[in-house]
Amino acid sequence: MPVPVSNSLIQPTAGCPWQLLNTVESLAERRAAEARLLEVHSAVDGIFSLDERSRVIAWTLGAERLLGYPAADMLGQNLDRLVPPRCRDAHNADVSRVAAGGKAHLVDSTVEVPVIHADGRDLITELSLSQWSQNGKPHYICASRGTRHPA
């Protein structure tokens, strides 16, 4: 049975000699992780993840269906792309406040927020926001469901 092996050249500390790092993966664990990822990726809800600077680091098919943007267009982009111009200053102030150690007000809540669909329409979507920490920096997972036109 083939076993996935990867090789990487690493330098643990600047100035130290380079080392070869070999990683052997469990094929069963890899397949289970891929299956879990496929389950999330195929969700009806629009699910996407953001880094501490509000850049998109994951984008599901549900997000593409709901908001119209393909993953290739969103990955690495700032969330500002979805935030209507009238809301950007407040959004960016919140991102700056949280980056400086402040509390993210929308975490662990579900709210209706305005978004810009890829075709330019303004929509309202229900957004649930969760937070986790990676390398000491906040990251977010957003689940967006349903859209409607603003009143």
C-alpha atoms as a PDB file:
ATOM      1  CA  MET A   1       0.000   0.000   0.000  1.00  0.00           C
ATOM      2  CA  PRO A   2       1.480   3.391  -0.979  1.00  0.00           C
ATOM      3  CA  VAL A   3       2.190   5.779   1.859  1.00  0.00           C
ATOM      4  CA  PRO A   4       2.281   9.557   1.238  1.00  0.00           C
ATOM      5  CA  VAL A   5       5.752  10.904   2.022  1.00  0.00           C
ATOM      6  CA  SER A   6       6.778  14.523   1.671  1.00  0.00           C
ATOM      7  CA  ASN A   7      10.235  16.044   1.883  1.00  0.00           C
ATOM      8  CA  SER A   8      10.985  19.634   2.816  1.00  0.00           C
ATOM      9  CA  LEU A   9      14.197  21.551   3.160  1.00  0.00           C
ATOM     10  CA  ILE A  10      13.993  23.657   6.323  1.00  0.00           C
ATOM     11  CA  GLN A  11      16.225  26.049   8.218  1.00  0.00           C
ATOM     12  CA  PRO A  12      15.013  25.977  11.849  1.00  0.00           C
ATOM     13  CA  THR A  13      16.835  29.189  12.773  1.00  0.00           C
ATOM     14  CA  ALA A  14      18.473  31.799  10.590  1.00  0.00           C
ATOM     15  CA  GLY A  15      22.169  31.050  10.269  1.00  0.00           C
ATOM     16  CA  CYS A  16      21.768  27.375  11.199  1.00  0.00           C
ATOM     17  CA  PRO A  17      22.402  24.653   8.628  1.00  0.00           C
ATOM     18  CA  TRP A  18      19.533  23.547   6.390  1.00  0.00           C
ATOM     19  CA  GLN A  19      17.922  20.214   7.277  1.00  0.00           C
ATOM     20  CA  LEU A  20      15.849  17.718   5.330  1.00  0.00           C
ATOM     21  CA  LEU A  21      12.466  17.034   6.958  1.00  0.00           C
ATOM     22  CA  ASN A  22      10.680  13.846   5.881  1.00  0.00           C
ATOM     23  CA  THR A  23       7.009  13.479   6.759  1.00  0.00           C
ATOM     24  CA  VAL A  24       5.109  10.197   6.502  1.00  0.00           C
ATOM     25  CA  GLU A  25       1.317  10.490   6.511  1.00  0.00           C
ATOM     26  CA  SER A  26      -1.210   7.909   7.529  1.00  0.00           C
ATOM     27  CA  LEU A  27      -3.264   7.280   4.398  1.00  0.00           C
ATOM     28  CA  ALA A  28      -6.345   6.446   6.512  1.00  0.00           C
ATOM     29  CA  GLU A  29      -6.041   9.724   8.466  1.00  0.00           C
ATOM     30  CA  ARG A  30      -5.539  11.683   5.254  1.00  0.00           C
ATOM     31  CA  ARG A  31      -8.623  10.139   3.631  1.00  0.00           C
ATOM     32  CA  ALA A  32     -10.705  10.831   6.755  1.00  0.00           C
ATOM     33  CA  ALA A  33      -9.557  14.473   6.789  1.00  0.00           C
ATOM     34  CA  GLU A  34     -10.354  14.824   3.078  1.00  0.00           C
ATOM     35  CA  ALA A  35     -13.830  13.360   3.677  1.00  0.00           C
ATOM     36  CA  ARG A  36     -14.479  15.855   6.508  1.00  0.00           C
ATOM     37  CA  LEU A  37     -13.297  18.708   4.304  1.00  0.00           C
ATOM     38  CA  LEU A  38     -15.585  17.558   1.482  1.00  0.00           C
ATOM     39  CA  GLU A  39     -18.544  17.526   3.900  1.00  0.00           C
ATOM     40  CA  VAL A  40     -17.892  21.160   4.858  1.00  0.00           C
ATOM     41  CA  HIS A  41     -17.121  22.186   1.285  1.00  0.00           C
ATOM     42  CA  SER A  42     -20.442  20.812   0.038  1.00  0.00           C
ATOM     43  CA  ALA A  43     -22.578  22.517   2.704  1.00  0.00           C
ATOM     44  CA  VAL A  44     -25.502  24.611   1.493  1.00  0.00           C
ATOM     45  CA  ASP A  45     -24.465  27.481   3.780  1.00  0.00           C
ATOM     46  CA  GLY A  46     -21.780  29.833   2.557  1.00  0.00           C
ATOM     47  CA  ILE A  47     -18.797  29.000   4.764  1.00  0.00           C
ATOM     48  CA  PHE A  48     -15.542  30.916   4.601  1.00  0.00           C
ATOM     49  CA  SER A  49     -12.568  31.582   6.870  1.00  0.00           C
ATOM     50  CA  LEU A  50     -10.662  34.793   7.491  1.00  0.00           C
ATOM     51  CA  ASP A  51      -7.234  35.500   8.913  1.00  0.00           C
ATOM     52  CA  GLU A  52      -6.489  38.218  11.462  1.00  0.00           C
ATOM     53  CA  ARG A  53      -6.389  40.884   8.744  1.00  0.00           C
ATOM     54  CA  SER A  54      -9.772  39.927   7.309  1.00  0.00           C
ATOM     55  CA  ARG A  55      -8.288  38.131   4.291  1.00  0.00           C
ATOM     56  CA  VAL A  56     -10.172  35.117   2.938  1.00  0.00           C
ATOM     57  CA  ILE A  57      -8.238  31.891   3.584  1.00  0.00           C
ATOM     58  CA  ALA A  58     -11.010  29.370   2.789  1.00  0.00           C
ATOM     59  CA  TRP A  59     -14.113  29.612   0.584  1.00  0.00           C
ATOM     60  CA  THR A  60     -16.659  26.835   0.041  1.00  0.00           C
ATOM     61  CA  LEU A  61     -18.949  25.999  -2.861  1.00  0.00           C
ATOM     62  CA  GLY A  62     -21.850  27.167  -0.664  1.00  0.00           C
ATOM     63  CA  ALA A  63     -20.225  30.598  -0.379  1.00  0.00           C
ATOM     64  CA  GLU A  64     -19.804  30.653  -4.134  1.00  0.00           C
ATOM     65  CA  ARG A  65     -23.459  29.738  -4.727  1.00  0.00           C
ATOM     66  CA  LEU A  66     -24.756  32.225  -2.167  1.00  0.00           C
ATOM     67  CA  LEU A  67     -22.547  35.215  -2.952  1.00  0.00           C
ATOM     68  CA  GLY A  68     -21.561  34.556  -6.555  1.00  0.00           C
ATOM     69  CA  TYR A  69     -17.777  34.773  -6.162  1.00  0.00           C
ATOM     70  CA  PRO A  70     -15.688  31.709  -7.105  1.00  0.00           C
ATOM     71  CA  ALA A  71     -12.997  30.645  -4.621  1.00  0.00           C
ATOM     72  CA  ALA A  72     -10.264  31.578  -7.109  1.00  0.00           C
ATOM     73  CA  ASP A  73     -11.467  35.194  -6.959  1.00  0.00           C
ATOM     74  CA  MET A  74     -11.806  35.336  -3.162  1.00  0.00           C
ATOM     75  CA  LEU A  75      -8.827  33.459  -1.703  1.00  0.00           C
ATOM     76  CA  GLY A  76      -6.280  35.949  -0.392  1.00  0.00           C
ATOM     77  CA  GLN A  77      -8.671  38.874  -0.898  1.00  0.00           C
ATOM     78  CA  ASN A  78      -9.772  41.209   1.863  1.00  0.00           C
ATOM     79  CA  LEU A  79     -13.372  40.824   3.020  1.00  0.00           C
ATOM     80  CA  ASP A  80     -13.886  44.449   1.950  1.00  0.00           C
ATOM     81  CA  ARG A  81     -14.832  43.024  -1.403  1.00  0.00           C
ATOM     82  CA  LEU A  82     -18.117  41.845   0.157  1.00  0.00           C
ATOM     83  CA  VAL A  83     -18.663  44.821   2.461  1.00  0.00           C
ATOM     84  CA  PRO A  84     -20.775  47.639   0.981  1.00  0.00           C
ATOM     85  CA  PRO A  85     -18.858  50.947   0.769  1.00  0.00           C
ATOM     86  CA  ARG A  86     -21.162  52.572   3.361  1.00  0.00           C
ATOM     87  CA  CYS A  87     -20.095  49.909   5.913  1.00  0.00           C
ATOM     88  CA  ARG A  88     -16.353  49.624   5.153  1.00  0.00           C
ATOM     89  CA  ASP A  89     -15.076  52.263   7.582  1.00  0.00           C
ATOM     90  CA  ALA A  90     -16.901  50.611  10.498  1.00  0.00           C
ATOM     91  CA  HIS A  91     -15.779  47.133   9.368  1.00  0.00           C
ATOM     92  CA  ASN A  92     -12.131  48.217   9.040  1.00  0.00           C
ATOM     93  CA  ALA A  93     -12.247  49.950  12.427  1.00  0.00           C
ATOM     94  CA  ASP A  94     -13.522  46.698  13.972  1.00  0.00           C
ATOM     95  CA  VAL A  95     -10.748  44.682  12.270  1.00  0.00           C
ATOM     96  CA  SER A  96      -8.112  47.158  13.541  1.00  0.00           C
ATOM     97  CA  ARG A  97      -9.558  47.117  17.056  1.00  0.00           C
ATOM     98  CA  VAL A  98      -9.527  43.306  17.201  1.00  0.00           C
ATOM     99  CA  ALA A  99      -5.994  43.156  15.721  1.00  0.00           C
ATOM    100  CA  ALA A 100      -4.901  45.455  18.567  1.00  0.00           C
ATOM    101  CA  GLY A 101      -6.321  43.006  21.123  1.00  0.00           C
ATOM    102  CA  GLY A 102      -9.900  44.228  21.393  1.00  0.00           C
ATOM    103  CA  LYS A 103     -12.942  41.982  21.528  1.00  0.00           C
ATOM    104  CA  ALA A 104     -14.687  40.923  18.322  1.00  0.00           C
ATOM    105  CA  HIS A 105     -18.310  41.936  18.945  1.00  0.00           C
ATOM    106  CA  LEU A 106     -19.922  39.566  16.445  1.00  0.00           C
ATOM    107  CA  VAL A 107     -18.128  36.388  17.575  1.00  0.00           C
ATOM    108  CA  ASP A 108     -20.492  33.670  18.804  1.00  0.00           C
ATOM    109  CA  SER A 109     -23.523  35.499  17.494  1.00  0.00           C
ATOM    110  CA  THR A 110     -25.766  35.454  14.450  1.00  0.00           C
ATOM    111  CA  VAL A 111     -26.666  38.752  12.820  1.00  0.00           C
ATOM    112  CA  GLU A 112     -28.008  40.064   9.537  1.00  0.00           C
ATOM    113  CA  VAL A 113     -25.360  41.934   7.570  1.00  0.00           C
ATOM    114  CA  PRO A 114     -25.313  43.686   4.203  1.00  0.00           C
ATOM    115  CA  VAL A 115     -23.095  42.161   1.491  1.00  0.00           C
ATOM    116  CA  ILE A 116     -22.318  42.818  -2.145  1.00  0.00           C
ATOM    117  CA  HIS A 117     -23.112  39.906  -4.472  1.00  0.00           C
ATOM    118  CA  ALA A 118     -20.653  39.271  -7.315  1.00  0.00           C
ATOM    119  CA  ASP A 119     -23.187  40.701  -9.763  1.00  0.00           C
ATOM    120  CA  GLY A 120     -23.186  44.005  -7.820  1.00  0.00           C
ATOM    121  CA  ARG A 121     -26.530  43.609  -6.022  1.00  0.00           C
ATOM    122  CA  ASP A 122     -26.766  44.647  -2.379  1.00  0.00           C
ATOM    123  CA  LEU A 123     -28.080  41.760  -0.278  1.00  0.00           C
ATOM    124  CA  ILE A 124     -28.751  41.013   3.369  1.00  0.00           C
ATOM    125  CA  THR A 125     -27.448  37.686   4.687  1.00  0.00           C
ATOM    126  CA  GLU A 126     -27.560  35.984   8.057  1.00  0.00           C
ATOM    127  CA  LEU A 127     -23.996  35.572   9.340  1.00  0.00           C
ATOM    128  CA  SER A 128     -22.690  33.455  12.224  1.00  0.00           C
ATOM    129  CA  LEU A 129     -19.108  34.145  13.282  1.00  0.00           C
ATOM    130  CA  SER A 130     -16.763  31.940  15.310  1.00  0.00           C
ATOM    131  CA  GLN A 131     -13.162  32.610  16.297  1.00  0.00           C
ATOM    132  CA  TRP A 132     -10.090  30.473  16.911  1.00  0.00           C
ATOM    133  CA  SER A 133      -6.431  31.278  17.402  1.00  0.00           C
ATOM    134  CA  GLN A 134      -3.613  30.158  15.142  1.00  0.00           C
ATOM    135  CA  ASN A 135      -0.025  31.094  15.984  1.00  0.00           C
ATOM    136  CA  GLY A 136      -1.374  33.551  18.545  1.00  0.00           C
ATOM    137  CA  LYS A 137      -3.470  35.412  15.970  1.00  0.00           C
ATOM    138  CA  PRO A 138      -7.269  35.412  15.694  1.00  0.00           C
ATOM    139  CA  HIS A 139      -8.882  33.606  12.764  1.00  0.00           C
ATOM    140  CA  TYR A 140     -12.574  33.436  11.976  1.00  0.00           C
ATOM    141  CA  ILE A 141     -15.024  31.061  10.385  1.00  0.00           C
ATOM    142  CA  CYS A 142     -18.127  32.622   8.935  1.00  0.00           C
ATOM    143  CA  ALA A 143     -21.318  30.757   8.072  1.00  0.00           C
ATOM    144  CA  SER A 144     -23.666  32.726   5.888  1.00  0.00           C
ATOM    145  CA  ARG A 145     -27.154  31.521   5.061  1.00  0.00           C
ATOM    146  CA  GLY A 146     -29.915  32.907   2.990  1.00  0.00           C
ATOM    147  CA  THR A 147     -29.971  36.218   1.251  1.00  0.00           C
ATOM    148  CA  ARG A 148     -32.650  38.790   0.641  1.00  0.00           C
ATOM    149  CA  HIS A 149     -32.780  42.211  -0.896  1.00  0.00           C
ATOM    150  CA  PRO A 150     -32.661  45.127   1.556  1.00  0.00           C
ATOM    151  CA  ALA A 151     -36.002  46.762   2.315  1.00  0.00           C
END
